[in-house]
Amino acid sequence: MTKASGLFSFFGAIALAAALLVPAAPAVAGDETRRIAIHVDDNDAKRMNMALNNAQNLEKYYSKKDMKVEIRVVTYGPGLHMLRADTSPVKDRIEKMSLQYPNLSFVACGNTHARMSKKAGKEVVLMSEATKVPSGVVELLELQRKGWAYVRP
C-alpha cells in the first residue's frame, strides 16, 4: 500500500464514520410547514409568558416570510398549571392567542392531570383551549420523532 492510498483509506474511513454519525434530516412536509413544540414544566408565570412570547415571535416571523408554522405548547408536571382553569396565571393571554393564531395549540399531560385531580379530591378543570394527551413527555418525544423542532424557554 502506498502512502497516498493509505491516506485515502484513512480519510475515506473518517468520511464514512462522519456520514454514519450525522442523523438524517427529518422529512419536511410537502407544504413546508415549520412545526415547533414548546415545552413547559414549571409553575412559573415568567416561564409561561416566555413560552407564549416564543409562540408569538415564531408566528410573526414565519407569517412575515409567508411561511406556514404549527406551534404546540406541551405542558406537564407543575407546568400543567398553565392550562388549569383555576390557577393559570396566563389564562387571558392563552384565550386571546388561541383566537388570534389557529395554528397554535395547547396540550396537557393526562398523567399529571390525573395526579392533580386525585390530590385535589375532584376533577381539575382545564381551560377549553387545552387538549389532553396520555403523557406530555411522550407527546414531546413523538413530535420530535416526527421532525418537530423542540424549544424549552
Protein backbone atom coordinates (compact mmCIF):
# COMPACT_ATOMS: atom_id res chain seq x y z
CA MET A 1 0.00 0.00 0.00
CA THR A 2 1.37 3.38 -0.94
CA LYS A 3 1.37 6.34 1.35
CA ALA A 4 -1.23 8.09 -0.84
CA SER A 5 -3.62 5.11 -0.85
CA GLY A 6 -3.17 4.75 2.93
CA LEU A 7 -4.17 8.40 3.43
CA PHE A 8 -7.09 7.94 1.06
CA SER A 9 -8.31 4.93 3.06
CA PHE A 10 -7.83 6.80 6.33
CA PHE A 11 -9.78 9.88 5.19
CA GLY A 12 -12.37 7.70 3.48
CA ALA A 13 -12.96 5.89 6.76
CA ILE A 14 -13.32 9.22 8.58
CA ALA A 15 -15.81 10.46 5.96
CA LEU A 16 -17.83 7.25 6.23
CA ALA A 17 -17.86 7.44 10.04
CA ALA A 18 -18.97 11.06 9.93
CA ALA A 19 -21.75 10.22 7.48
CA LEU A 20 -22.99 7.45 9.75
CA LEU A 21 -22.93 9.67 12.84
CA VAL A 22 -24.89 12.52 11.30
CA PRO A 23 -28.59 11.73 11.61
CA ALA A 24 -30.71 12.04 8.53
CA ALA A 25 -32.67 15.26 8.38
CA PRO A 26 -36.31 14.70 9.25
CA ALA A 27 -38.67 14.79 6.36
CA VAL A 28 -40.37 18.13 5.94
CA ALA A 29 -43.98 18.01 4.92
CA GLY A 30 -44.66 18.82 1.29
CA ASP A 31 -46.29 22.06 2.36
CA GLU A 32 -43.04 23.16 4.06
CA THR A 33 -44.86 23.85 7.32
CA ARG A 34 -42.50 24.52 10.22
CA ARG A 35 -43.57 22.59 13.32
CA ILE A 36 -42.38 23.60 16.78
CA ALA A 37 -43.13 22.01 20.17
CA ILE A 38 -42.70 24.33 23.16
CA HIS A 39 -42.16 22.56 26.48
CA VAL A 40 -43.48 23.96 29.78
CA ASP A 41 -42.95 22.02 33.00
CA ASP A 42 -42.60 24.83 35.56
CA ASN A 43 -45.35 26.54 37.55
CA ASP A 44 -43.70 29.88 36.88
CA ALA A 45 -45.60 32.76 35.27
CA LYS A 46 -42.38 34.18 33.79
CA ARG A 47 -41.55 30.91 32.05
CA MET A 48 -45.14 30.52 30.84
CA ASN A 49 -45.10 34.05 29.43
CA MET A 50 -41.74 33.34 27.80
CA ALA A 51 -43.26 30.27 26.12
CA LEU A 52 -46.14 32.39 24.85
CA ASN A 53 -43.69 35.07 23.69
CA ASN A 54 -41.78 32.36 21.80
CA ALA A 55 -45.01 31.23 20.15
CA GLN A 56 -45.91 34.81 19.15
CA ASN A 57 -42.42 35.50 17.83
CA LEU A 58 -42.41 32.31 15.78
CA GLU A 59 -45.84 33.12 14.37
CA LYS A 60 -44.83 36.67 13.44
CA TYR A 61 -41.51 35.61 11.92
CA TYR A 62 -42.95 32.94 9.67
CA SER A 63 -46.06 34.90 8.70
CA LYS A 64 -43.82 37.80 7.54
CA LYS A 65 -41.99 35.29 5.35
CA ASP A 66 -45.35 33.95 4.11
CA MET A 67 -44.48 30.54 5.53
CA LYS A 68 -46.74 28.15 7.42
CA VAL A 69 -46.00 27.28 11.04
CA GLU A 70 -47.64 24.95 13.54
CA ILE A 71 -46.91 25.53 17.22
CA ARG A 72 -47.83 23.19 20.06
CA VAL A 73 -47.27 24.10 23.71
CA VAL A 74 -46.89 20.88 25.72
CA THR A 75 -47.34 21.06 29.49
CA TYR A 76 -46.72 18.51 32.21
CA GLY A 77 -45.75 18.38 35.86
CA PRO A 78 -46.08 21.75 37.59
CA GLY A 79 -46.33 23.34 34.13
CA LEU A 80 -49.88 21.99 33.84
CA HIS A 81 -50.97 24.99 35.93
CA MET A 82 -50.56 26.96 32.70
CA LEU A 83 -53.68 25.22 31.38
CA ARG A 84 -55.72 24.88 34.57
CA ALA A 85 -58.88 26.95 34.50
CA ASP A 86 -58.49 27.82 38.20
CA THR A 87 -54.76 28.50 38.56
CA SER A 88 -53.39 29.64 35.19
CA PRO A 89 -51.54 32.94 35.50
CA VAL A 90 -51.71 33.31 31.70
CA LYS A 91 -55.32 32.27 31.13
CA ASP A 92 -56.44 35.52 29.46
CA ARG A 93 -53.43 35.57 27.19
CA ILE A 94 -53.97 31.95 26.10
CA GLU A 95 -57.62 32.69 25.32
CA LYS A 96 -56.67 35.67 23.13
CA MET A 97 -53.79 33.92 21.39
CA SER A 98 -55.92 30.86 20.61
CA LEU A 99 -58.36 33.08 18.76
CA GLN A 100 -55.61 35.03 17.03
CA TYR A 101 -53.47 32.03 15.97
CA PRO A 102 -55.43 28.99 14.78
CA ASN A 103 -52.12 27.16 14.23
CA LEU A 104 -51.30 27.35 17.97
CA SER A 105 -52.41 24.51 20.23
CA PHE A 106 -52.04 23.66 23.90
CA VAL A 107 -51.54 20.14 25.24
CA ALA A 108 -51.98 18.93 28.82
CA CYS A 109 -50.41 15.77 30.20
CA GLY A 110 -53.05 13.22 31.21
CA ASN A 111 -50.76 11.66 33.83
CA THR A 112 -50.21 14.99 35.56
CA HIS A 113 -53.89 15.86 35.27
CA ALA A 114 -54.88 12.58 36.95
CA ARG A 115 -52.39 13.14 39.80
CA MET A 116 -53.54 16.73 40.34
CA SER A 117 -57.19 15.67 40.29
CA LYS A 118 -56.54 12.88 42.82
CA LYS A 119 -54.67 15.25 45.11
CA ALA A 120 -57.46 17.86 44.83
CA GLY A 121 -60.12 15.22 45.53
CA LYS A 122 -62.04 16.36 42.44
CA GLU A 123 -61.58 16.66 38.71
CA VAL A 124 -59.22 19.53 37.89
CA VAL A 125 -60.82 21.61 35.15
CA LEU A 126 -58.62 22.50 32.22
CA MET A 127 -59.08 25.52 30.00
CA SER A 128 -61.20 24.86 26.91
CA GLU A 129 -58.12 25.57 24.76
CA ALA A 130 -56.31 22.55 26.21
CA THR A 131 -56.26 19.10 24.66
CA LYS A 132 -55.33 16.25 26.97
CA VAL A 133 -52.86 13.57 25.85
CA PRO A 134 -51.93 10.44 27.82
CA SER A 135 -48.39 11.66 28.57
CA GLY A 136 -46.79 15.05 27.99
CA VAL A 137 -43.25 13.70 27.85
CA VAL A 138 -44.29 11.02 25.35
CA GLU A 139 -46.03 13.71 23.28
CA LEU A 140 -42.77 15.69 23.11
CA LEU A 141 -40.78 12.59 22.17
CA GLU A 142 -43.20 11.57 19.43
CA LEU A 143 -43.36 15.09 18.00
CA GLN A 144 -39.56 15.19 17.81
CA ARG A 145 -39.52 11.77 16.12
CA LYS A 146 -41.88 13.24 13.51
CA GLY A 147 -39.43 16.07 12.83
CA TRP A 148 -40.88 18.79 15.08
CA ALA A 149 -38.38 21.27 16.49
CA TYR A 150 -38.15 21.41 20.29
CA VAL A 151 -37.98 24.59 22.36
CA ARG A 152 -37.79 24.88 26.14
CA PRO A 153 -37.88 28.52 27.24
